[in-house]
């Protein structure tokens, strides 16, 4: 269990440039000199990737839910709402899934179980209903619909569940091309429970470990085929930048084109993946607007706690990772593009790229 605690602590500190977490912006105190640049000398090794995968696999195995006689123990996706609420998709051994809306112990409202619009249930998950022993939390009770429910999970897992991501990747084979498209894992829950269907404010999904796993499966099944990564929905960022960079390297290594469609957008870690495309194509949501008005390709800086990115020296590993990643996927202009993101907007802000921005760094290769 001590190893697991170390994993959770490390995962909770992932606050890099593509991160979708609530990092804090602020006034820089120790800016590097204007001419300094981070070196692109970080080594992305198979050994480092193996360690990342093993750590994150433990998060996927950190929860089990018995509901109405069926055990759901395969964690498929998750999305965090601040620090107190997480939405988790769990599946049983037959691939049937449900959504668990897990509230913090002091939220004062029940947790929710959702399968579809006809199967919605609630149960008490307040502090008084929780039994905490060693590393685990247990809730054993009866739901509002008089069904038995038993939820057990590693107590500290609540802090990092959202890092696994909520973006579904679906592959479709047409002739000799594999089209990989994005969708949101919790559309039904958002519509039926939260009353949001995307017609108003954008619904953003998160990238994470599950994105890496899905893309790996697709690549393995279609080795040698021409593949296109298509962002057909709104990608709000990454919950795990370390693994997200390996996802981007997979896109690069398999010569995929990346496309933001008229119904999609990328921001933060989503833009990092878009950057990995051999050709980077933007299909405008409104062809009459300047591209920044459509808000389809967004960037910002990163932060760690109360420190901004540029308060860290460029020799820091975080900078060197990012510089290496962007040089790998974009070539000589990659490091300058990374530095542009640091100045574009604070970690809690957003800058939507203009055509001038794109042209300066050769970023979007085709605008339709």
Protein backbone atom coordinates (compact mmCIF):
# COMPACT_ATOMS: atom_id res chain seq x y z
CA UNK A 1 0.00 0.00 0.00
CA UNK A 2 2.90 2.38 0.55
CA UNK A 3 3.79 1.98 -3.14
CA UNK A 4 0.21 2.89 -4.04
CA UNK A 5 0.35 6.00 -1.85
CA UNK A 6 3.52 7.08 -3.65
CA UNK A 7 1.79 6.61 -7.00
CA UNK A 8 -1.18 8.72 -5.97
CA UNK A 9 1.02 11.50 -4.66
CA UNK A 10 3.06 11.56 -7.86
CA UNK A 11 -0.07 11.54 -10.02
CA UNK A 12 -1.61 14.41 -8.07
CA UNK A 13 1.40 16.60 -8.88
CA UNK A 14 1.04 16.31 -12.67
CA UNK A 15 0.46 19.97 -13.53
CA UNK A 16 2.15 20.59 -16.86
CA UNK A 17 1.46 22.65 -19.96
CA UNK A 18 -1.31 20.50 -21.38
CA UNK A 19 -2.93 19.79 -18.05
CA UNK A 20 -6.64 20.26 -17.53
CA UNK A 21 -6.32 20.78 -13.80
CA UNK A 22 -7.02 23.95 -11.87
CA UNK A 23 -3.46 25.27 -11.82
CA UNK A 24 -2.93 28.74 -10.41
CA UNK A 25 -1.50 31.60 -12.44
CA UNK A 26 0.43 34.43 -10.84
CA UNK A 27 3.13 37.03 -11.25
CA UNK A 28 6.50 35.64 -12.27
CA UNK A 29 9.28 36.34 -9.78
CA UNK A 30 12.34 34.69 -11.34
CA UNK A 31 11.85 34.77 -15.08
CA UNK A 32 14.57 33.23 -17.22
CA UNK A 33 16.40 35.67 -19.47
CA UNK A 34 14.62 36.60 -22.69
CA UNK A 35 17.12 34.72 -24.86
CA UNK A 36 17.17 31.52 -22.80
CA UNK A 37 15.47 28.38 -24.04
CA UNK A 38 15.00 24.96 -22.48
CA UNK A 39 17.09 22.23 -24.03
CA UNK A 40 15.30 19.44 -25.87
CA UNK A 41 17.40 16.78 -24.16
CA UNK A 42 14.86 14.78 -22.17
CA UNK A 43 14.87 11.04 -22.93
CA UNK A 44 11.46 9.45 -23.52
CA UNK A 45 12.41 5.83 -22.87
CA UNK A 46 10.49 2.57 -22.95
CA UNK A 47 11.54 2.01 -19.35
CA UNK A 48 10.01 5.32 -18.26
CA UNK A 49 6.83 4.54 -20.18
CA UNK A 50 6.55 1.10 -18.59
CA UNK A 51 6.79 2.66 -15.15
CA UNK A 52 4.11 5.22 -15.99
CA UNK A 53 1.77 2.53 -17.29
CA UNK A 54 2.24 0.30 -14.24
CA UNK A 55 1.52 3.20 -11.88
CA UNK A 56 -1.61 4.31 -13.71
CA UNK A 57 -2.90 0.77 -14.08
CA UNK A 58 -3.24 0.70 -10.30
CA UNK A 59 -5.60 3.67 -10.49
CA UNK A 60 -7.81 1.72 -12.90
CA UNK A 61 -7.97 -1.10 -10.34
CA UNK A 62 -8.66 1.11 -7.32
CA UNK A 63 -12.48 0.84 -7.15
CA UNK A 64 -15.22 -1.76 -7.19
CA UNK A 65 -18.98 -1.28 -6.97
CA UNK A 66 -21.55 -3.98 -6.24
CA UNK A 67 -24.99 -2.77 -7.28
CA UNK A 68 -28.16 -4.85 -7.22
CA UNK A 69 -26.17 -8.09 -7.24
CA UNK A 70 -23.76 -7.19 -10.07
CA UNK A 71 -20.09 -6.34 -9.56
CA UNK A 72 -18.62 -3.45 -11.53
CA UNK A 73 -14.85 -3.37 -11.10
CA UNK A 74 -13.42 -2.31 -14.46
CA UNK A 75 -12.85 1.44 -14.49
CA UNK A 76 -13.24 2.73 -18.06
CA UNK A 77 -13.35 6.54 -17.83
CA UNK A 78 -13.54 9.32 -15.26
CA UNK A 79 -14.10 13.07 -15.14
CA UNK A 80 -13.47 15.35 -12.14
CA UNK A 81 -15.57 18.35 -11.12
CA UNK A 82 -13.22 20.34 -8.93
CA UNK A 83 -11.79 18.63 -5.86
CA UNK A 84 -14.95 17.11 -4.41
CA UNK A 85 -16.89 15.31 -7.16
CA UNK A 86 -15.84 12.67 -9.68
CA UNK A 87 -17.87 10.91 -12.35
CA UNK A 88 -16.66 7.36 -13.01
CA UNK A 89 -17.72 4.84 -15.64
CA UNK A 90 -17.45 1.25 -14.37
CA UNK A 91 -18.09 -1.98 -16.29
CA UNK A 92 -18.88 -5.54 -15.24
CA UNK A 93 -17.29 -8.69 -16.66
CA UNK A 94 -19.81 -8.71 -19.53
CA UNK A 95 -18.99 -5.18 -20.65
CA UNK A 96 -22.17 -3.63 -19.23
CA UNK A 97 -21.42 -0.26 -17.69
CA UNK A 98 -22.87 2.34 -15.36
CA UNK A 99 -21.86 5.81 -14.22
CA UNK A 100 -21.08 6.59 -10.59
CA UNK A 101 -21.34 10.22 -9.50
CA UNK A 102 -19.12 10.15 -6.41
CA UNK A 103 -19.47 13.18 -4.17
CA UNK A 104 -17.05 14.25 -1.46
CA UNK A 105 -17.83 13.20 2.09
CA UNK A 106 -18.90 16.70 3.08
CA UNK A 107 -20.96 17.57 0.01
CA UNK A 108 -24.21 16.91 1.86
CA UNK A 109 -25.93 15.36 -1.17
CA UNK A 110 -26.32 11.72 -2.23
CA UNK A 111 -24.13 9.92 -4.73
CA UNK A 112 -25.80 8.88 -8.00
CA UNK A 113 -25.83 5.67 -10.01
CA UNK A 114 -26.81 6.10 -13.65
CA UNK A 115 -27.25 3.57 -16.46
CA UNK A 116 -29.69 5.38 -18.73
CA UNK A 117 -32.69 7.68 -18.40
CA UNK A 118 -34.77 4.83 -16.99
CA UNK A 119 -32.19 3.62 -14.45
CA UNK A 120 -31.21 6.38 -12.03
CA UNK A 121 -30.59 5.63 -8.36
CA UNK A 122 -29.09 7.38 -5.34
CA UNK A 123 -27.42 6.41 -2.08
CA UNK A 124 -26.07 8.11 1.01
CA UNK A 125 -22.32 8.70 0.70
CA UNK A 126 -21.91 11.28 3.45
CA UNK A 127 -19.12 11.00 5.98
CA UNK A 128 -21.36 9.10 8.41
CA UNK A 129 -21.99 6.42 5.76
CA UNK A 130 -18.29 5.80 5.13
CA UNK A 131 -16.17 3.25 6.92
CA UNK A 132 -12.45 3.98 6.54
CA UNK A 133 -9.93 1.23 7.27
CA UNK A 134 -6.23 1.48 6.47
CA UNK A 135 -6.12 2.60 2.82
CA UNK A 136 -9.73 1.92 1.80
CA UNK A 137 -13.15 3.51 2.12
CA UNK A 138 -16.27 1.33 2.24
CA UNK A 139 -19.88 2.41 1.78
CA UNK A 140 -22.45 -0.35 2.30
CA UNK A 141 -26.08 0.65 2.23
CA UNK A 142 -29.39 0.54 0.35
CA UNK A 143 -30.26 2.91 -2.47
CA UNK A 144 -33.31 5.07 -2.83
CA UNK A 145 -34.80 2.36 -5.04
CA UNK A 146 -34.23 -0.25 -2.31
CA UNK A 147 -31.31 -1.93 -4.08
CA UNK A 148 -28.20 -3.09 -2.27
CA UNK A 149 -25.03 -1.14 -2.97
CA UNK A 150 -21.47 -1.66 -1.77
CA UNK A 151 -18.73 0.70 -2.91
CA UNK A 152 -15.11 0.13 -1.95
CA UNK A 153 -12.13 2.14 -3.15
CA UNK A 154 -8.68 3.32 -2.13
CA UNK A 155 -9.35 6.45 -0.09
CA UNK A 156 -6.68 8.58 -1.73
CA UNK A 157 -7.82 7.55 -5.21
CA UNK A 158 -10.55 10.21 -5.13
CA UNK A 159 -7.85 12.81 -5.70
CA UNK A 160 -6.61 11.36 -9.00
CA UNK A 161 -9.46 9.39 -10.60
CA UNK A 162 -10.16 12.20 -13.06
CA UNK A 163 -6.65 11.89 -14.46
CA UNK A 164 -7.53 8.72 -16.39
CA UNK A 165 -9.64 10.72 -18.87
CA UNK A 166 -13.16 10.81 -20.30
CA UNK A 167 -12.51 10.79 -24.07
CA UNK A 168 -13.66 7.81 -26.15
CA UNK A 169 -11.67 6.98 -29.29
CA UNK A 170 -13.56 5.11 -32.02
CA UNK A 171 -11.89 3.74 -35.14
CA UNK A 172 -13.61 3.31 -38.49
CA UNK A 173 -11.88 1.63 -41.43
CA UNK A 174 -12.62 3.02 -44.90
CA UNK A 175 -10.65 1.49 -47.76
CA UNK A 176 -7.02 1.72 -46.57
CA UNK A 177 -7.61 4.54 -44.08
CA UNK A 178 -8.42 4.32 -40.39
CA UNK A 179 -10.37 7.30 -39.05
CA UNK A 180 -10.06 7.75 -35.28
CA UNK A 181 -12.74 10.02 -33.84
CA UNK A 182 -13.37 11.41 -30.38
CA UNK A 183 -16.52 11.41 -28.27
CA UNK A 184 -17.42 12.06 -24.62
CA UNK A 185 -17.90 9.12 -22.27
CA UNK A 186 -20.64 10.77 -20.19
CA UNK A 187 -23.01 12.30 -22.73
CA UNK A 188 -26.03 10.49 -21.30
CA UNK A 189 -25.32 11.52 -17.72
CA UNK A 190 -24.77 15.15 -18.68
CA UNK A 191 -28.03 15.26 -20.60
CA UNK A 192 -30.29 13.34 -18.22
CA UNK A 193 -28.83 14.32 -14.83
CA UNK A 194 -27.13 17.66 -15.35
CA UNK A 195 -29.48 18.93 -18.04
CA UNK A 196 -26.60 19.74 -20.41
CA UNK A 197 -26.59 18.55 -24.01
CA UNK A 198 -23.91 20.78 -25.52
CA UNK A 199 -26.30 23.16 -27.26
CA UNK A 200 -25.32 25.87 -24.80
CA UNK A 201 -21.96 25.91 -23.08
CA UNK A 202 -19.40 23.50 -24.52
CA UNK A 203 -19.04 20.09 -22.95
CA UNK A 204 -15.33 19.27 -22.78
CA UNK A 205 -13.82 15.85 -22.31
CA UNK A 206 -10.42 15.13 -20.78
CA UNK A 207 -7.47 13.17 -22.12
CA UNK A 208 -5.60 10.73 -19.89
CA UNK A 209 -4.30 7.20 -19.45
CA UNK A 210 -7.39 5.71 -21.09
CA UNK A 211 -6.70 7.79 -24.22
CA UNK A 212 -3.22 6.29 -24.42
CA UNK A 213 -4.57 2.75 -23.95
CA UNK A 214 -7.30 3.14 -26.58
CA UNK A 215 -4.97 4.62 -29.17
CA UNK A 216 -2.46 1.86 -28.52
CA UNK A 217 -5.10 -0.79 -29.17
CA UNK A 218 -6.19 0.94 -32.38
CA UNK A 219 -2.62 1.25 -33.64
CA UNK A 220 -1.84 -2.38 -32.86
CA UNK A 221 -4.95 -3.57 -34.70
CA UNK A 222 -4.23 -1.40 -37.76
CA UNK A 223 -0.46 -1.47 -38.06
CA UNK A 224 0.67 -0.29 -41.48
CA UNK A 225 -2.59 1.49 -42.32
CA UNK A 226 -2.97 5.20 -42.96
CA UNK A 227 -4.48 6.65 -39.78
CA UNK A 228 -6.11 10.03 -39.12
CA UNK A 229 -6.75 11.38 -35.63
CA UNK A 230 -9.96 13.43 -35.78
CA UNK A 231 -11.04 15.70 -32.93
CA UNK A 232 -14.77 15.70 -33.57
CA UNK A 233 -15.74 16.96 -30.10
CA UNK A 234 -14.39 19.47 -27.62
CA UNK A 235 -11.19 18.41 -25.85
CA UNK A 236 -10.66 20.50 -22.74
CA UNK A 237 -7.17 19.30 -21.86
CA UNK A 238 -5.24 16.48 -20.26
CA UNK A 239 -5.46 15.17 -16.73
CA UNK A 240 -2.04 13.51 -17.07
CA UNK A 241 0.56 15.31 -19.12
CA UNK A 242 3.28 12.70 -18.66
CA UNK A 243 1.21 10.01 -20.40
CA UNK A 244 -0.31 12.52 -22.83
CA UNK A 245 3.11 13.20 -24.32
CA UNK A 246 3.52 9.49 -25.04
CA UNK A 247 0.10 9.52 -26.70
CA UNK A 248 1.29 12.38 -28.90
CA UNK A 249 4.49 10.53 -29.74
CA UNK A 250 2.35 7.59 -30.86
CA UNK A 251 0.51 9.90 -33.26
CA UNK A 252 3.84 11.22 -34.54
CA UNK A 253 5.49 7.79 -34.86
CA UNK A 254 2.61 6.47 -36.98
CA UNK A 255 2.57 9.48 -39.32
CA UNK A 256 -1.04 10.34 -38.50
CA UNK A 257 -2.67 13.49 -39.75
CA UNK A 258 -4.64 15.36 -37.11
CA UNK A 259 -7.92 17.12 -37.85
CA UNK A 260 -10.08 19.46 -35.79
CA UNK A 261 -13.51 19.25 -37.40
CA UNK A 262 -16.17 21.95 -37.54
CA UNK A 263 -17.85 20.41 -34.48
CA UNK A 264 -14.64 20.00 -32.49
CA UNK A 265 -11.95 21.96 -30.69
CA UNK A 266 -8.70 21.32 -28.86
CA UNK A 267 -7.31 23.14 -25.87
CA UNK A 268 -4.22 22.67 -23.72
CA UNK A 269 -3.31 18.96 -23.80
CA UNK A 270 -5.66 18.51 -26.74
CA UNK A 271 -3.61 21.04 -28.68
CA UNK A 272 -0.49 19.08 -27.71
CA UNK A 273 -1.94 16.02 -29.47
CA UNK A 274 -3.06 18.08 -32.46
CA UNK A 275 0.54 19.31 -32.73
CA UNK A 276 1.75 15.74 -33.30
CA UNK A 277 0.02 15.42 -36.68
CA UNK A 278 2.02 15.12 -39.89
CA UNK A 279 -0.56 17.47 -41.39
CA UNK A 280 -2.57 19.56 -38.95
CA UNK A 281 -5.92 20.46 -40.47
CA UNK A 282 -8.52 22.86 -39.08
CA UNK A 283 -12.06 22.76 -40.40
CA UNK A 284 -13.62 26.01 -39.26
CA UNK A 285 -16.91 25.94 -37.36
CA UNK A 286 -17.80 29.25 -39.00
CA UNK A 287 -15.98 30.01 -42.24
CA UNK A 288 -16.85 33.69 -41.98
CA UNK A 289 -15.01 34.17 -38.68
CA UNK A 290 -11.36 34.70 -37.94
CA UNK A 291 -10.17 31.38 -36.52
CA UNK A 292 -9.66 32.73 -33.00
CA UNK A 293 -13.33 33.72 -32.82
CA UNK A 294 -14.33 30.10 -33.39
CA UNK A 295 -12.24 29.04 -30.38
CA UNK A 296 -11.06 25.78 -31.89
CA UNK A 297 -7.32 25.69 -31.11
CA UNK A 298 -6.37 26.96 -27.66
CA UNK A 299 -3.20 27.20 -25.57
CA UNK A 300 -2.07 28.45 -22.18
CA UNK A 301 0.82 28.20 -19.73
CA UNK A 302 1.14 25.76 -16.86
CA UNK A 303 1.68 26.10 -13.15
CA UNK A 304 2.46 24.01 -10.09
CA UNK A 305 0.73 25.17 -6.93
CA UNK A 306 1.37 28.90 -6.57
CA UNK A 307 4.31 28.91 -8.98
CA UNK A 308 3.96 29.76 -12.65
CA UNK A 309 5.83 27.89 -15.37
CA UNK A 310 8.32 30.70 -15.92
CA UNK A 311 9.24 30.77 -12.24
CA UNK A 312 10.94 27.43 -12.86
CA UNK A 313 14.36 27.57 -14.53
CA UNK A 314 14.48 26.23 -18.06
CA UNK A 315 16.82 23.51 -16.81
CA UNK A 316 13.90 22.04 -14.84
CA UNK A 317 12.78 18.64 -16.09
CA UNK A 318 9.22 19.87 -16.73
CA UNK A 319 10.48 22.41 -19.27
CA UNK A 320 12.90 19.96 -20.85
CA UNK A 321 10.16 17.35 -21.30
CA UNK A 322 7.89 19.82 -23.02
CA UNK A 323 10.69 21.26 -25.17
CA UNK A 324 11.73 17.76 -26.24
CA UNK A 325 8.15 16.78 -26.99
CA UNK A 326 7.39 19.82 -29.15
CA UNK A 327 10.70 19.58 -31.03
CA UNK A 328 10.00 15.89 -31.66
CA UNK A 329 6.52 16.48 -33.10
CA UNK A 330 7.04 19.88 -34.78
CA UNK A 331 10.73 20.07 -35.65
CA UNK A 332 12.86 23.19 -35.30
CA UNK A 333 9.94 25.51 -34.49
CA UNK A 334 8.69 23.29 -31.69
CA UNK A 335 10.62 24.88 -28.83
CA UNK A 336 9.63 28.38 -29.89
CA UNK A 337 6.00 27.24 -30.07
CA UNK A 338 6.26 25.86 -26.54
CA UNK A 339 7.64 29.19 -25.29
CA UNK A 340 4.77 30.94 -27.07
CA UNK A 341 2.28 28.87 -25.05
CA UNK A 342 3.94 29.99 -21.81
CA UNK A 343 3.38 33.64 -22.71
CA UNK A 344 -0.04 33.17 -24.33
CA UNK A 345 -2.21 33.02 -21.22
CA UNK A 346 -1.86 32.09 -17.53
CA UNK A 347 -2.49 28.52 -16.41
CA UNK A 348 -6.07 29.37 -15.46
CA UNK A 349 -6.66 31.29 -18.70
CA UNK A 350 -6.93 30.56 -22.42
CA UNK A 351 -5.61 31.98 -25.67
CA UNK A 352 -7.31 30.94 -28.90
CA UNK A 353 -4.77 30.89 -31.69
CA UNK A 354 -4.95 33.40 -34.51
CA UNK A 355 -3.84 32.76 -38.08
CA UNK A 356 -0.85 35.00 -37.41
CA UNK A 357 0.10 32.81 -34.44
CA UNK A 358 -0.23 29.70 -36.56
CA UNK A 359 1.74 31.13 -39.49
CA UNK A 360 4.60 32.22 -37.23
CA UNK A 361 5.19 28.66 -36.02
CA UNK A 362 3.89 26.74 -39.04
CA UNK A 363 1.33 25.21 -36.71
CA UNK A 364 -1.94 24.69 -38.61
CA UNK A 365 -0.90 23.37 -42.01
CA UNK A 366 -4.34 23.61 -43.65
CA UNK A 367 -7.41 25.73 -42.85
CA UNK A 368 -10.68 24.74 -44.52
